[in-house]
Amino acid sequence: MILFVLFFVVPIAELYVIIRIGSEIGFLNTLGIIVAVAMVGSWLVRREGLRTWSRFNESLASGRVPTREIVDGVLILGAGALLLTPGFLSDIVGILLLFPPTRAAIRAVVTRRLRPGVSFVRFGGFPGGGSPRPGGDVVDVDSTEPKGEL
C-alpha cells in the first residue's frame, strides 16, 4: 500500500499541483520557482550536512555514540533528494526536513520507533558499562584467528 502511494498517488498529486500553479502564475514562473528551490535547497542541504558532519566528529572525539547525528544525516540526505525532485509537495517536505526544529521533531519520532528493536553498544563496552546481556551473542570483530578452510 505504501509503495502504491509513493509511486502512483504522490506523482499524480505533484503533477496536479504543478499544473494548478502553472495555470495561475504561468509556465516560466513555475519552472523558475522549481529550479530556484532546487538550487537553494542544494545549498541548504550542503550547509546543514556540514554542520551535522562536524557534530558527528565532535561526538566521536568525545567518545559518545553519534546516534542523533546519524539520524540527522539520513534526514538531511532525504531532504536533499526531495528538494532536487521537481514538485512543490516534495519541496515542502524537504524544507521541513531541513529546518532544525521540525527535523528534531521528526528525529524524535524516528528514534522512538527504532529504539525497541535496536540495541546500541557504546565505544569501550556494553550499555551500562557491564558485560553483554545473558543469552546474547557477542561477535569479536578484532579476532584474526582463522575459522577453518574456505
N, C-alpha and C. Protein backbone atom coordinates (compact mmCIF):
# COMPACT_ATOMS: atom_id res chain seq x y z
N MET A 1 0.82 -1.20 0.00
CA MET A 1 0.00 0.00 0.00
C MET A 1 0.86 1.26 0.00
N ILE A 2 1.93 1.23 0.79
CA ILE A 2 2.83 2.40 0.86
C ILE A 2 3.50 2.62 -0.49
N LEU A 3 3.92 1.55 -1.13
CA LEU A 3 4.55 1.68 -2.45
C LEU A 3 3.57 2.23 -3.49
N PHE A 4 2.32 1.82 -3.39
CA PHE A 4 1.30 2.35 -4.30
C PHE A 4 1.18 3.86 -4.14
N VAL A 5 1.15 4.31 -2.90
CA VAL A 5 1.04 5.75 -2.63
C VAL A 5 2.28 6.46 -3.14
N LEU A 6 3.48 5.91 -2.86
CA LEU A 6 4.72 6.57 -3.25
C LEU A 6 4.90 6.65 -4.76
N PHE A 7 4.54 5.60 -5.47
CA PHE A 7 4.82 5.55 -6.90
C PHE A 7 3.64 5.93 -7.80
N PHE A 8 2.46 6.04 -7.23
CA PHE A 8 1.31 6.37 -8.06
C PHE A 8 0.61 7.65 -7.59
N VAL A 9 0.24 7.71 -6.33
CA VAL A 9 -0.53 8.84 -5.82
C VAL A 9 0.32 10.10 -5.71
N VAL A 10 1.52 9.99 -5.16
CA VAL A 10 2.38 11.17 -4.97
C VAL A 10 2.73 11.84 -6.30
N PRO A 11 3.18 11.11 -7.33
CA PRO A 11 3.47 11.79 -8.60
C PRO A 11 2.25 12.46 -9.22
N ILE A 12 1.08 11.84 -9.10
CA ILE A 12 -0.13 12.46 -9.64
C ILE A 12 -0.46 13.74 -8.87
N ALA A 13 -0.31 13.70 -7.54
CA ALA A 13 -0.55 14.91 -6.73
C ALA A 13 0.46 16.01 -7.08
N GLU A 14 1.72 15.62 -7.29
CA GLU A 14 2.75 16.61 -7.67
C GLU A 14 2.40 17.25 -9.01
N LEU A 15 2.02 16.44 -10.00
CA LEU A 15 1.65 16.98 -11.30
C LEU A 15 0.43 17.90 -11.21
N TYR A 16 -0.54 17.51 -10.41
CA TYR A 16 -1.73 18.33 -10.23
C TYR A 16 -1.36 19.70 -9.67
N VAL A 17 -0.53 19.72 -8.63
CA VAL A 17 -0.13 20.99 -8.01
C VAL A 17 0.68 21.83 -9.00
N ILE A 18 1.60 21.21 -9.72
CA ILE A 18 2.41 21.95 -10.70
C ILE A 18 1.52 22.56 -11.79
N ILE A 19 0.56 21.80 -12.27
CA ILE A 19 -0.34 22.30 -13.32
C ILE A 19 -1.21 23.44 -12.78
N ARG A 20 -1.72 23.29 -11.57
CA ARG A 20 -2.55 24.35 -10.97
C ARG A 20 -1.75 25.63 -10.77
N ILE A 21 -0.55 25.51 -10.23
CA ILE A 21 0.28 26.70 -10.01
C ILE A 21 0.69 27.29 -11.35
N GLY A 22 1.04 26.44 -12.31
CA GLY A 22 1.41 26.91 -13.64
C GLY A 22 0.29 27.66 -14.33
N SER A 23 -0.94 27.23 -14.12
CA SER A 23 -2.07 27.93 -14.74
C SER A 23 -2.33 29.28 -14.07
N GLU A 24 -1.92 29.43 -12.83
CA GLU A 24 -2.12 30.69 -12.12
C GLU A 24 -1.00 31.70 -12.39
N ILE A 25 0.25 31.24 -12.38
CA ILE A 25 1.36 32.19 -12.50
C ILE A 25 2.13 32.06 -13.80
N GLY A 26 1.82 31.08 -14.61
CA GLY A 26 2.50 30.91 -15.90
C GLY A 26 3.57 29.83 -15.84
N PHE A 27 3.84 29.26 -17.01
CA PHE A 27 4.80 28.16 -17.12
C PHE A 27 6.21 28.57 -16.72
N LEU A 28 6.71 29.69 -17.26
CA LEU A 28 8.10 30.10 -16.98
C LEU A 28 8.29 30.45 -15.50
N ASN A 29 7.31 31.10 -14.90
CA ASN A 29 7.42 31.41 -13.47
C ASN A 29 7.44 30.13 -12.64
N THR A 30 6.60 29.18 -12.99
CA THR A 30 6.57 27.90 -12.28
C THR A 30 7.90 27.17 -12.43
N LEU A 31 8.40 27.13 -13.65
CA LEU A 31 9.69 26.48 -13.89
C LEU A 31 10.81 27.19 -13.13
N GLY A 32 10.77 28.52 -13.11
CA GLY A 32 11.77 29.29 -12.37
C GLY A 32 11.74 28.99 -10.88
N ILE A 33 10.56 28.87 -10.31
CA ILE A 33 10.44 28.56 -8.88
C ILE A 33 10.99 27.17 -8.60
N ILE A 34 10.67 26.21 -9.46
CA ILE A 34 11.15 24.84 -9.26
C ILE A 34 12.68 24.79 -9.32
N VAL A 35 13.27 25.47 -10.29
CA VAL A 35 14.73 25.49 -10.42
C VAL A 35 15.37 26.24 -9.24
N ALA A 36 14.78 27.37 -8.85
CA ALA A 36 15.34 28.14 -7.73
C ALA A 36 15.29 27.36 -6.42
N VAL A 37 14.18 26.67 -6.18
CA VAL A 37 14.08 25.86 -4.95
C VAL A 37 15.11 24.75 -4.97
N ALA A 38 15.35 24.13 -6.12
CA ALA A 38 16.36 23.08 -6.20
C ALA A 38 17.76 23.63 -5.91
N MET A 39 18.06 24.82 -6.44
CA MET A 39 19.39 25.41 -6.22
C MET A 39 19.58 25.84 -4.76
N VAL A 40 18.62 26.55 -4.22
CA VAL A 40 18.71 26.99 -2.82
C VAL A 40 18.67 25.78 -1.90
N GLY A 41 17.84 24.81 -2.24
CA GLY A 41 17.75 23.60 -1.43
C GLY A 41 19.06 22.83 -1.39
N SER A 42 19.74 22.73 -2.52
CA SER A 42 21.02 22.01 -2.52
C SER A 42 22.06 22.75 -1.69
N TRP A 43 22.02 24.08 -1.71
CA TRP A 43 22.93 24.86 -0.87
C TRP A 43 22.62 24.64 0.62
N LEU A 44 21.33 24.65 0.97
CA LEU A 44 20.95 24.42 2.37
C LEU A 44 21.29 23.01 2.83
N VAL A 45 21.11 22.03 1.95
CA VAL A 45 21.46 20.65 2.30
C VAL A 45 22.95 20.55 2.57
N ARG A 46 23.74 21.18 1.74
CA ARG A 46 25.19 21.16 1.94
C ARG A 46 25.57 21.80 3.28
N ARG A 47 24.97 22.95 3.57
CA ARG A 47 25.28 23.66 4.82
C ARG A 47 24.88 22.83 6.04
N GLU A 48 23.66 22.31 6.04
CA GLU A 48 23.20 21.51 7.18
C GLU A 48 23.98 20.20 7.28
N GLY A 49 24.33 19.63 6.14
CA GLY A 49 25.12 18.40 6.14
C GLY A 49 26.50 18.61 6.75
N LEU A 50 27.13 19.74 6.42
CA LEU A 50 28.45 20.04 7.01
C LEU A 50 28.35 20.27 8.51
N ARG A 51 27.29 20.94 8.95
CA ARG A 51 27.09 21.14 10.40
C ARG A 51 26.91 19.80 11.11
N THR A 52 26.11 18.94 10.52
CA THR A 52 25.88 17.63 11.11
C THR A 52 27.16 16.80 11.12
N TRP A 53 27.94 16.89 10.05
CA TRP A 53 29.20 16.16 9.97
C TRP A 53 30.16 16.63 11.07
N SER A 54 30.22 17.93 11.34
CA SER A 54 31.11 18.41 12.39
C SER A 54 30.62 17.96 13.76
N ARG A 55 29.29 17.95 13.99
CA ARG A 55 28.76 17.44 15.27
C ARG A 55 29.03 15.94 15.40
N PHE A 56 28.96 15.22 14.28
CA PHE A 56 29.27 13.79 14.27
C PHE A 56 30.71 13.55 14.72
N ASN A 57 31.65 14.31 14.15
CA ASN A 57 33.06 14.17 14.53
C ASN A 57 33.30 14.56 15.98
N GLU A 58 32.63 15.60 16.46
CA GLU A 58 32.76 16.00 17.86
C GLU A 58 32.26 14.90 18.79
N SER A 59 31.16 14.25 18.42
CA SER A 59 30.63 13.15 19.22
C SER A 59 31.62 11.99 19.29
N LEU A 60 32.20 11.65 18.15
CA LEU A 60 33.18 10.57 18.15
C LEU A 60 34.40 10.92 18.97
N ALA A 61 34.86 12.18 18.87
CA ALA A 61 36.04 12.60 19.62
C ALA A 61 35.79 12.56 21.12
N SER A 62 34.56 12.81 21.54
CA SER A 62 34.25 12.78 22.97
C SER A 62 33.88 11.38 23.46
N GLY A 63 33.87 10.39 22.56
CA GLY A 63 33.57 9.02 22.95
C GLY A 63 32.08 8.72 23.04
N ARG A 64 31.27 9.57 22.51
CA ARG A 64 29.82 9.40 22.53
C ARG A 64 29.35 8.77 21.23
N VAL A 65 28.33 7.92 21.30
CA VAL A 65 27.75 7.34 20.09
C VAL A 65 26.95 8.43 19.39
N PRO A 66 27.25 8.71 18.12
CA PRO A 66 26.59 9.83 17.41
C PRO A 66 25.22 9.46 16.84
N THR A 67 24.35 8.91 17.66
CA THR A 67 23.04 8.47 17.19
C THR A 67 22.24 9.62 16.59
N ARG A 68 22.18 10.72 17.31
CA ARG A 68 21.41 11.88 16.85
C ARG A 68 21.95 12.38 15.51
N GLU A 69 23.25 12.43 15.40
CA GLU A 69 23.88 12.94 14.18
C GLU A 69 23.64 12.02 12.99
N ILE A 70 23.64 10.72 13.23
CA ILE A 70 23.39 9.76 12.15
C ILE A 70 21.96 9.92 11.64
N VAL A 71 21.00 10.01 12.55
CA VAL A 71 19.61 10.19 12.13
C VAL A 71 19.45 11.52 11.40
N ASP A 72 20.07 12.58 11.92
CA ASP A 72 20.03 13.88 11.23
C ASP A 72 20.61 13.77 9.83
N GLY A 73 21.72 13.07 9.69
CA GLY A 73 22.34 12.91 8.37
C GLY A 73 21.42 12.21 7.39
N VAL A 74 20.73 11.18 7.84
CA VAL A 74 19.80 10.46 6.96
C VAL A 74 18.63 11.37 6.58
N LEU A 75 18.12 12.14 7.55
CA LEU A 75 17.01 13.05 7.26
C LEU A 75 17.44 14.15 6.29
N ILE A 76 18.66 14.66 6.45
CA ILE A 76 19.16 15.70 5.54
C ILE A 76 19.37 15.12 4.14
N LEU A 77 19.85 13.90 4.07
CA LEU A 77 20.00 13.24 2.77
C LEU A 77 18.64 13.08 2.08
N GLY A 78 17.64 12.69 2.85
CA GLY A 78 16.29 12.59 2.31
C GLY A 78 15.76 13.95 1.86
N ALA A 79 16.06 14.98 2.64
CA ALA A 79 15.65 16.34 2.27
C ALA A 79 16.28 16.74 0.95
N GLY A 80 17.54 16.42 0.76
CA GLY A 80 18.21 16.74 -0.50
C GLY A 80 17.57 16.06 -1.68
N ALA A 81 17.23 14.80 -1.52
CA ALA A 81 16.57 14.07 -2.61
C ALA A 81 15.21 14.68 -2.92
N LEU A 82 14.47 15.05 -1.89
CA LEU A 82 13.15 15.64 -2.11
C LEU A 82 13.23 17.02 -2.75
N LEU A 83 14.24 17.81 -2.36
CA LEU A 83 14.37 19.16 -2.91
C LEU A 83 14.84 19.14 -4.37
N LEU A 84 15.56 18.11 -4.75
CA LEU A 84 16.00 18.01 -6.14
C LEU A 84 14.94 17.39 -7.05
N THR A 85 13.94 16.75 -6.44
CA THR A 85 12.83 16.20 -7.20
C THR A 85 11.89 17.33 -7.59
N PRO A 86 11.56 17.46 -8.86
CA PRO A 86 10.66 18.55 -9.26
C PRO A 86 9.27 18.37 -8.66
N GLY A 87 8.79 19.40 -8.02
CA GLY A 87 7.45 19.36 -7.45
C GLY A 87 7.39 20.18 -6.18
N PHE A 88 6.23 20.74 -5.92
CA PHE A 88 6.07 21.61 -4.77
C PHE A 88 5.81 20.84 -3.48
N LEU A 89 5.09 19.74 -3.55
CA LEU A 89 4.82 18.95 -2.35
C LEU A 89 6.10 18.34 -1.79
N SER A 90 6.93 17.79 -2.67
CA SER A 90 8.20 17.22 -2.21
C SER A 90 9.12 18.31 -1.67
N ASP A 91 9.04 19.52 -2.25
CA ASP A 91 9.85 20.64 -1.74
C ASP A 91 9.43 21.02 -0.33
N ILE A 92 8.14 21.02 -0.07
CA ILE A 92 7.65 21.37 1.27
C ILE A 92 8.16 20.36 2.30
N VAL A 93 8.06 19.08 1.97
CA VAL A 93 8.55 18.04 2.90
C VAL A 93 10.07 18.16 3.06
N GLY A 94 10.79 18.41 1.96
CA GLY A 94 12.24 18.57 2.03
C GLY A 94 12.65 19.75 2.91
N ILE A 95 11.96 20.87 2.79
CA ILE A 95 12.27 22.04 3.62
C ILE A 95 11.97 21.74 5.09
N LEU A 96 10.89 21.03 5.35
CA LEU A 96 10.58 20.66 6.73
C LEU A 96 11.67 19.76 7.32
N LEU A 97 12.25 18.89 6.50
CA LEU A 97 13.33 18.04 6.99
C LEU A 97 14.62 18.82 7.22
N LEU A 98 14.78 19.95 6.54
CA LEU A 98 15.98 20.77 6.71
C LEU A 98 15.90 21.70 7.91
N PHE A 99 14.70 22.16 8.23
CA PHE A 99 14.52 23.07 9.36
C PHE A 99 14.89 22.36 10.66
N PRO A 100 15.87 22.85 11.43
CA PRO A 100 16.26 22.15 12.66
C PRO A 100 15.10 21.85 13.62
N PRO A 101 14.15 22.76 13.87
CA PRO A 101 13.08 22.41 14.81
C PRO A 101 12.18 21.27 14.31
N THR A 102 11.79 21.31 13.04
CA THR A 102 10.94 20.24 12.54
C THR A 102 11.73 18.95 12.37
N ARG A 103 13.02 19.08 12.03
CA ARG A 103 13.86 17.88 11.92
C ARG A 103 14.00 17.22 13.29
N ALA A 104 14.10 18.02 14.35
CA ALA A 104 14.20 17.47 15.70
C ALA A 104 12.94 16.69 16.07
N ALA A 105 11.78 17.22 15.68
CA ALA A 105 10.52 16.52 15.96
C ALA A 105 10.45 15.21 15.18
N ILE A 106 10.84 15.25 13.92
CA ILE A 106 10.82 14.03 13.09
C ILE A 106 11.85 13.03 13.61
N ARG A 107 13.04 13.54 14.03
CA ARG A 107 14.06 12.65 14.59
C ARG A 107 13.55 11.96 15.84
N ALA A 108 12.81 12.68 16.68
CA ALA A 108 12.26 12.08 17.90
C ALA A 108 11.30 10.94 17.57
N VAL A 109 10.47 11.14 16.55
CA VAL A 109 9.53 10.10 16.14
C VAL A 109 10.30 8.90 15.58
N VAL A 110 11.29 9.16 14.74
CA VAL A 110 12.06 8.08 14.12
C VAL A 110 12.82 7.28 15.18
N THR A 111 13.50 7.95 16.09
CA THR A 111 14.28 7.23 17.10
C THR A 111 13.36 6.48 18.07
N ARG A 112 12.19 7.03 18.36
CA ARG A 112 11.24 6.35 19.24
C ARG A 112 10.74 5.07 18.57
N ARG A 113 10.54 5.12 17.26
CA ARG A 113 10.06 3.93 16.56
C ARG A 113 11.16 2.89 16.39
N LEU A 114 12.41 3.31 16.28
CA LEU A 114 13.52 2.38 16.11
C LEU A 114 14.02 1.80 17.42
N ARG A 115 13.91 2.55 18.48
CA ARG A 115 14.52 2.19 19.77
C ARG A 115 14.18 0.79 20.26
N PRO A 116 12.93 0.31 20.23
CA PRO A 116 12.66 -1.01 20.80
C PRO A 116 13.42 -2.15 20.14
N GLY A 117 13.68 -2.08 18.85
CA GLY A 117 14.33 -3.18 18.17
C GLY A 117 15.82 -3.03 17.98
N VAL A 118 16.39 -1.93 18.47
CA VAL A 118 17.80 -1.66 18.24
C VAL A 118 18.51 -1.55 19.57
N SER A 119 19.65 -2.22 19.68
CA SER A 119 20.46 -2.05 20.89
C SER A 119 21.78 -1.42 20.46
N PHE A 120 22.23 -0.48 21.24
CA PHE A 120 23.44 0.26 20.93
C PHE A 120 24.57 -0.22 21.84
N VAL A 121 25.75 -0.39 21.27
CA VAL A 121 26.93 -0.72 22.05
C VAL A 121 27.81 0.51 22.05
N ARG A 122 28.16 0.99 23.23
CA ARG A 122 28.99 2.18 23.33
C ARG A 122 30.44 1.82 23.06
N PHE A 123 31.23 2.82 22.65
CA PHE A 123 32.65 2.61 22.47
C PHE A 123 33.23 2.32 23.85
N GLY A 124 33.91 1.24 23.99
CA GLY A 124 34.53 0.94 25.28
C GLY A 124 33.68 0.03 26.13
N GLY A 125 32.67 -0.60 25.61
CA GLY A 125 31.92 -1.53 26.43
C GLY A 125 30.48 -1.67 26.00
N PHE A 126 29.72 -2.27 26.89
CA PHE A 126 28.31 -2.52 26.63
C PHE A 126 27.47 -1.50 27.37
N PRO A 127 26.20 -1.34 26.99
CA PRO A 127 25.35 -0.38 27.67
C PRO A 127 25.36 -0.62 29.17
N GLY A 128 25.53 0.43 29.94
CA GLY A 128 25.59 0.31 31.39
C GLY A 128 26.97 -0.03 31.89
N GLY A 129 27.93 -0.22 31.00
CA GLY A 129 29.30 -0.48 31.40
C GLY A 129 29.57 -1.92 31.79
N GLY A 130 28.57 -2.78 31.77
CA GLY A 130 28.76 -4.16 32.21
C GLY A 130 29.10 -5.09 31.08
N SER A 131 28.81 -6.36 31.31
CA SER A 131 29.06 -7.38 30.30
C SER A 131 27.82 -7.53 29.43
N PRO A 132 27.94 -8.32 28.35
CA PRO A 132 26.77 -8.49 27.49
C PRO A 132 25.61 -9.13 28.25
N ARG A 133 24.39 -8.88 27.76
CA ARG A 133 23.24 -9.45 28.44
C ARG A 133 23.28 -10.97 28.32
N PRO A 134 22.78 -11.65 29.32
CA PRO A 134 22.78 -13.11 29.30
C PRO A 134 22.02 -13.63 28.09
N GLY A 135 22.60 -14.59 27.43
CA GLY A 135 21.96 -15.21 26.28
C GLY A 135 22.19 -14.47 24.98
N GLY A 136 22.83 -13.29 25.05
CA GLY A 136 23.07 -12.52 23.83
C GLY A 136 24.31 -13.00 23.11
N ASP A 137 24.35 -12.84 21.82
CA ASP A 137 25.50 -13.24 21.03
C ASP A 137 26.51 -12.10 20.99
N VAL A 138 27.78 -12.44 21.11
CA VAL A 138 28.85 -11.46 21.01
C VAL A 138 29.76 -11.90 19.88
N VAL A 139 30.04 -11.01 18.97
CA VAL A 139 30.92 -11.30 17.85
C VAL A 139 32.19 -10.49 18.03
N ASP A 140 33.34 -11.16 18.07
CA ASP A 140 34.62 -10.48 18.22
C ASP A 140 35.12 -10.11 16.83
N VAL A 141 35.01 -8.85 16.48
CA VAL A 141 35.39 -8.42 15.14
C VAL A 141 36.88 -8.16 15.03
N ASP A 142 37.61 -8.14 16.15
CA ASP A 142 39.04 -7.91 16.12
C ASP A 142 39.83 -9.20 16.02
N SER A 143 39.18 -10.33 16.11
CA SER A 143 39.85 -11.61 16.09
C SER A 143 40.48 -11.86 14.72
N THR A 144 41.72 -12.38 14.73
CA THR A 144 42.40 -12.70 13.49
C THR A 144 42.60 -14.20 13.32
N GLU A 145 42.00 -14.99 14.21
CA GLU A 145 42.13 -16.42 14.14
C GLU A 145 41.33 -16.95 12.96
N PRO A 146 41.92 -17.85 12.16
CA PRO A 146 41.16 -18.41 11.04
C PRO A 146 40.05 -19.31 11.55
N LYS A 147 38.93 -19.29 10.87
CA LYS A 147 37.75 -20.08 11.28
C LYS A 147 37.76 -21.46 10.64
N GLY A 148 38.64 -21.71 9.75
CA GLY A 148 38.68 -23.02 9.10
C GLY A 148 38.95 -22.86 7.62
N GLU A 149 38.88 -23.98 6.92
CA GLU A 149 39.12 -23.97 5.48
C GLU A 149 37.96 -23.31 4.75
N LEU A 150 38.26 -22.58 3.69
CA LEU A 150 37.22 -21.97 2.88
C LEU A 150 36.99 -22.73 1.62
